[in-house]
Amino acid sequence: MTTLTASTTATTTKTRNDYADGHFDAATHAPAKQTTGEYYKGYLDYTKETGKAPF
């Protein structure tokens, strides 16, 4: 009798895109999580693109 075993490696990869996160938060009217870096640039670019304040 032969026993077969299967092994799998758990791989979880999250690609960070702070700019997109900031843009999304502004579009959904969430408060800014930080006021520096790519996140905030995305947050402010939403306002520039739409002319609407995210708050």
PDB file of N, CA and C in Angstrom:
ATOM      1  N   MET A   1       0.841  -1.171   0.000  1.00  0.00           N
ATOM      2  CA  MET A   1       0.000   0.000   0.000  1.00  0.00           C
ATOM      3  C   MET A   1       0.889   1.239   0.000  1.00  0.00           C
ATOM      4  N   THR A   2       0.562   2.217  -0.859  1.00  0.00           N
ATOM      5  CA  THR A   2       1.345   3.447  -0.979  1.00  0.00           C
ATOM      6  C   THR A   2       0.530   4.608  -0.433  1.00  0.00           C
ATOM      7  N   THR A   3       1.182   5.435   0.359  1.00  0.00           N
ATOM      8  CA  THR A   3       0.532   6.621   0.903  1.00  0.00           C
ATOM      9  C   THR A   3       1.054   7.848   0.166  1.00  0.00           C
ATOM     10  N   LEU A   4       0.138   8.623  -0.347  1.00  0.00           N
ATOM     11  CA  LEU A   4       0.508   9.841  -1.048  1.00  0.00           C
ATOM     12  C   LEU A   4       0.258  11.045  -0.156  1.00  0.00           C
ATOM     13  N   THR A   5       1.174  11.937  -0.137  1.00  0.00           N
ATOM     14  CA  THR A   5       0.988  13.173   0.617  1.00  0.00           C
ATOM     15  C   THR A   5       1.221  14.348  -0.322  1.00  0.00           C
ATOM     16  N   ALA A   6       0.441  15.340  -0.148  1.00  0.00           N
ATOM     17  CA  ALA A   6       0.582  16.555  -0.944  1.00  0.00           C
ATOM     18  C   ALA A   6       0.993  17.678  -0.016  1.00  0.00           C
ATOM     19  N   SER A   7       1.987  18.393  -0.423  1.00  0.00           N
ATOM     20  CA  SER A   7       2.394  19.534   0.379  1.00  0.00           C
ATOM     21  C   SER A   7       2.223  20.804  -0.442  1.00  0.00           C
ATOM     22  N   THR A   8       1.712  21.808   0.206  1.00  0.00           N
ATOM     23  CA  THR A   8       1.546  23.097  -0.454  1.00  0.00           C
ATOM     24  C   THR A   8       2.209  24.159   0.395  1.00  0.00           C
ATOM     25  N   THR A   9       2.742  25.107  -0.265  1.00  0.00           N
ATOM     26  CA  THR A   9       3.374  26.222   0.430  1.00  0.00           C
ATOM     27  C   THR A   9       2.420  27.401   0.381  1.00  0.00           C
ATOM     28  N   ALA A  10       2.116  27.932   1.523  1.00  0.00           N
ATOM     29  CA  ALA A  10       1.231  29.087   1.578  1.00  0.00           C
ATOM     30  C   ALA A  10       2.009  30.322   1.135  1.00  0.00           C
ATOM     31  N   THR A  11       1.484  30.965   0.119  1.00  0.00           N
ATOM     32  CA  THR A  11       2.116  32.186  -0.361  1.00  0.00           C
ATOM     33  C   THR A  11       1.091  33.301  -0.362  1.00  0.00           C
ATOM     34  N   THR A  12       1.386  34.304   0.366  1.00  0.00           N
ATOM     35  CA  THR A  12       0.527  35.464   0.414  1.00  0.00           C
ATOM     36  C   THR A  12       1.379  36.672   0.080  1.00  0.00           C
ATOM     37  N   THR A  13       1.040  37.294  -1.027  1.00  0.00           N
ATOM     38  CA  THR A  13       1.785  38.468  -1.451  1.00  0.00           C
ATOM     39  C   THR A  13       0.829  39.639  -1.548  1.00  0.00           C
ATOM     40  N   LYS A  14       1.143  40.689  -0.856  1.00  0.00           N
ATOM     41  CA  LYS A  14       0.347  41.904  -0.956  1.00  0.00           C
ATOM     42  C   LYS A  14       1.238  42.990  -1.529  1.00  0.00           C
ATOM     43  N   THR A  15       0.865  43.450  -2.680  1.00  0.00           N
ATOM     44  CA  THR A  15       1.599  44.543  -3.293  1.00  0.00           C
ATOM     45  C   THR A  15       1.045  45.838  -2.732  1.00  0.00           C
ATOM     46  N   ARG A  16       1.902  46.634  -2.176  1.00  0.00           N
ATOM     47  CA  ARG A  16       1.483  47.898  -1.607  1.00  0.00           C
ATOM     48  C   ARG A  16       1.444  48.968  -2.672  1.00  0.00           C
ATOM     49  N   ASN A  17       0.384  49.687  -2.704  1.00  0.00           N
ATOM     50  CA  ASN A  17       0.283  50.832  -3.571  1.00  0.00           C
ATOM     51  C   ASN A  17      -0.319  51.953  -2.746  1.00  0.00           C
ATOM     52  N   ASP A  18       0.537  52.676  -2.056  1.00  0.00           N
ATOM     53  CA  ASP A  18       0.078  53.724  -1.160  1.00  0.00           C
ATOM     54  C   ASP A  18      -0.686  54.816  -1.891  1.00  0.00           C
ATOM     55  N   TYR A  19      -0.251  55.146  -3.120  1.00  0.00           N
ATOM     56  CA  TYR A  19      -0.930  56.177  -3.896  1.00  0.00           C
ATOM     57  C   TYR A  19      -2.388  55.776  -4.129  1.00  0.00           C
ATOM     58  N   ALA A  20      -2.606  54.556  -4.579  1.00  0.00           N
ATOM     59  CA  ALA A  20      -3.968  54.079  -4.847  1.00  0.00           C
ATOM     60  C   ALA A  20      -4.784  53.999  -3.563  1.00  0.00           C
ATOM     61  N   ASP A  21      -4.156  53.611  -2.464  1.00  0.00           N
ATOM     62  CA  ASP A  21      -4.858  53.561  -1.179  1.00  0.00           C
ATOM     63  C   ASP A  21      -5.347  54.949  -0.774  1.00  0.00           C
ATOM     64  N   GLY A  22      -4.502  55.947  -0.948  1.00  0.00           N
ATOM     65  CA  GLY A  22      -4.875  57.323  -0.619  1.00  0.00           C
ATOM     66  C   GLY A  22      -5.993  57.833  -1.516  1.00  0.00           C
ATOM     67  N   HIS A  23      -5.892  57.531  -2.792  1.00  0.00           N
ATOM     68  CA  HIS A  23      -6.916  57.949  -3.756  1.00  0.00           C
ATOM     69  C   HIS A  23      -8.254  57.294  -3.410  1.00  0.00           C
ATOM     70  N   PHE A  24      -8.225  56.022  -3.079  1.00  0.00           N
ATOM     71  CA  PHE A  24      -9.447  55.301  -2.718  1.00  0.00           C
ATOM     72  C   PHE A  24     -10.060  55.862  -1.434  1.00  0.00           C
ATOM     73  N   ASP A  25      -9.233  56.107  -0.432  1.00  0.00           N
ATOM     74  CA  ASP A  25      -9.751  56.642   0.823  1.00  0.00           C
ATOM     75  C   ASP A  25     -10.427  57.991   0.614  1.00  0.00           C
ATOM     76  N   ALA A  26      -9.839  58.841  -0.220  1.00  0.00           N
ATOM     77  CA  ALA A  26     -10.456  60.141  -0.496  1.00  0.00           C
ATOM     78  C   ALA A  26     -11.782  59.960  -1.235  1.00  0.00           C
ATOM     79  N   ALA A  27     -11.829  59.031  -2.177  1.00  0.00           N
ATOM     80  CA  ALA A  27     -13.050  58.800  -2.951  1.00  0.00           C
ATOM     81  C   ALA A  27     -14.169  58.258  -2.086  1.00  0.00           C
ATOM     82  N   THR A  28     -13.818  57.534  -1.034  1.00  0.00           N
ATOM     83  CA  THR A  28     -14.840  56.969  -0.148  1.00  0.00           C
ATOM     84  C   THR A  28     -15.066  57.829   1.084  1.00  0.00           C
ATOM     85  N   HIS A  29     -14.491  59.024   1.079  1.00  0.00           N
ATOM     86  CA  HIS A  29     -14.642  60.010   2.156  1.00  0.00           C
ATOM     87  C   HIS A  29     -14.100  59.543   3.499  1.00  0.00           C
ATOM     88  N   ALA A  30     -13.105  58.689   3.452  1.00  0.00           N
ATOM     89  CA  ALA A  30     -12.448  58.258   4.685  1.00  0.00           C
ATOM     90  C   ALA A  30     -11.407  59.314   5.072  1.00  0.00           C
ATOM     91  N   PRO A  31     -11.193  59.525   6.351  1.00  0.00           N
ATOM     92  CA  PRO A  31     -10.177  60.495   6.753  1.00  0.00           C
ATOM     93  C   PRO A  31      -8.775  60.002   6.375  1.00  0.00           C
ATOM     94  N   ALA A  32      -7.898  60.936   6.088  1.00  0.00           N
ATOM     95  CA  ALA A  32      -6.524  60.584   5.709  1.00  0.00           C
ATOM     96  C   ALA A  32      -5.819  59.906   6.872  1.00  0.00           C
ATOM     97  N   LYS A  33      -5.124  58.805   6.584  1.00  0.00           N
ATOM     98  CA  LYS A  33      -4.402  58.067   7.619  1.00  0.00           C
ATOM     99  C   LYS A  33      -3.055  58.701   7.920  1.00  0.00           C
ATOM    100  N   GLN A  34      -2.512  59.434   6.944  1.00  0.00           N
ATOM    101  CA  GLN A  34      -1.237  60.116   7.146  1.00  0.00           C
ATOM    102  C   GLN A  34      -1.200  61.320   6.227  1.00  0.00           C
ATOM    103  N   THR A  35      -0.281  62.227   6.482  1.00  0.00           N
ATOM    104  CA  THR A  35      -0.211  63.451   5.688  1.00  0.00           C
ATOM    105  C   THR A  35       1.141  63.610   5.005  1.00  0.00           C
ATOM    106  N   THR A  36       1.771  62.499   4.689  1.00  0.00           N
ATOM    107  CA  THR A  36       3.050  62.538   3.987  1.00  0.00           C
ATOM    108  C   THR A  36       3.105  61.404   2.977  1.00  0.00           C
ATOM    109  N   GLY A  37       4.026  61.513   2.051  1.00  0.00           N
ATOM    110  CA  GLY A  37       4.330  60.422   1.139  1.00  0.00           C
ATOM    111  C   GLY A  37       3.320  60.209   0.029  1.00  0.00           C
ATOM    112  N   GLU A  38       3.450  59.053  -0.630  1.00  0.00           N
ATOM    113  CA  GLU A  38       2.618  58.706  -1.773  1.00  0.00           C
ATOM    114  C   GLU A  38       1.140  58.583  -1.395  1.00  0.00           C
ATOM    115  N   TYR A  39       0.877  58.114  -0.194  1.00  0.00           N
ATOM    116  CA  TYR A  39      -0.513  57.985   0.254  1.00  0.00           C
ATOM    117  C   TYR A  39      -1.217  59.338   0.201  1.00  0.00           C
ATOM    118  N   TYR A  40      -0.590  60.348   0.776  1.00  0.00           N
ATOM    119  CA  TYR A  40      -1.212  61.679   0.827  1.00  0.00           C
ATOM    120  C   TYR A  40      -1.269  62.315  -0.558  1.00  0.00           C
ATOM    121  N   LYS A  41      -0.296  62.024  -1.392  1.00  0.00           N
ATOM    122  CA  LYS A  41      -0.311  62.535  -2.763  1.00  0.00           C
ATOM    123  C   LYS A  41      -1.543  61.989  -3.493  1.00  0.00           C
ATOM    124  N   GLY A  42      -1.820  60.716  -3.345  1.00  0.00           N
ATOM    125  CA  GLY A  42      -3.013  60.132  -3.950  1.00  0.00           C
ATOM    126  C   GLY A  42      -4.288  60.729  -3.379  1.00  0.00           C
ATOM    127  N   TYR A  43      -4.265  60.979  -2.079  1.00  0.00           N
ATOM    128  CA  TYR A  43      -5.418  61.564  -1.399  1.00  0.00           C
ATOM    129  C   TYR A  43      -5.706  62.956  -1.961  1.00  0.00           C
ATOM    130  N   LEU A  44      -4.665  63.767  -2.112  1.00  0.00           N
ATOM    131  CA  LEU A  44      -4.838  65.125  -2.621  1.00  0.00           C
ATOM    132  C   LEU A  44      -5.130  65.147  -4.119  1.00  0.00           C
ATOM    133  N   ASP A  45      -4.580  64.211  -4.869  1.00  0.00           N
ATOM    134  CA  ASP A  45      -4.849  64.162  -6.306  1.00  0.00           C
ATOM    135  C   ASP A  45      -6.316  63.880  -6.592  1.00  0.00           C
ATOM    136  N   TYR A  46      -6.972  63.137  -5.728  1.00  0.00           N
ATOM    137  CA  TYR A  46      -8.406  62.909  -5.901  1.00  0.00           C
ATOM    138  C   TYR A  46      -9.139  64.247  -5.885  1.00  0.00           C
ATOM    139  N   THR A  47      -8.776  65.106  -4.946  1.00  0.00           N
ATOM    140  CA  THR A  47      -9.413  66.416  -4.835  1.00  0.00           C
ATOM    141  C   THR A  47      -9.134  67.250  -6.075  1.00  0.00           C
ATOM    142  N   LYS A  48      -7.910  67.191  -6.557  1.00  0.00           N
ATOM    143  CA  LYS A  48      -7.548  67.966  -7.749  1.00  0.00           C
ATOM    144  C   LYS A  48      -8.312  67.463  -8.980  1.00  0.00           C
ATOM    145  N   GLU A  49      -8.481  66.161  -9.112  1.00  0.00           N
ATOM    146  CA  GLU A  49      -9.147  65.577 -10.272  1.00  0.00           C
ATOM    147  C   GLU A  49     -10.660  65.842 -10.279  1.00  0.00           C
ATOM    148  N   THR A  50     -11.273  65.781  -9.120  1.00  0.00           N
ATOM    149  CA  THR A  50     -12.731  65.882  -9.055  1.00  0.00           C
ATOM    150  C   THR A  50     -13.224  67.267  -8.665  1.00  0.00           C
ATOM    151  N   GLY A  51     -12.380  68.043  -8.007  1.00  0.00           N
ATOM    152  CA  GLY A  51     -12.810  69.349  -7.531  1.00  0.00           C
ATOM    153  C   GLY A  51     -13.653  69.263  -6.272  1.00  0.00           C
ATOM    154  N   LYS A  52     -13.743  68.053  -5.695  1.00  0.00           N
ATOM    155  CA  LYS A  52     -14.536  67.847  -4.487  1.00  0.00           C
ATOM    156  C   LYS A  52     -13.618  67.519  -3.328  1.00  0.00           C
ATOM    157  N   ALA A  53     -13.865  68.128  -2.201  1.00  0.00           N
ATOM    158  CA  ALA A  53     -13.093  67.811  -1.005  1.00  0.00           C
ATOM    159  C   ALA A  53     -13.531  66.460  -0.477  1.00  0.00           C
ATOM    160  N   PRO A  54     -12.578  65.623  -0.023  1.00  0.00           N
ATOM    161  CA  PRO A  54     -12.943  64.296   0.463  1.00  0.00           C
ATOM    162  C   PRO A  54     -13.533  64.298   1.861  1.00  0.00           C
ATOM    163  N   PHE A  55     -13.740  65.447   2.443  1.00  0.00           N
ATOM    164  CA  PHE A  55     -14.280  65.513   3.804  1.00  0.00           C
ATOM    165  C   PHE A  55     -15.479  66.417   3.854  1.00  0.00           C
TER     166      PHE A  55
END
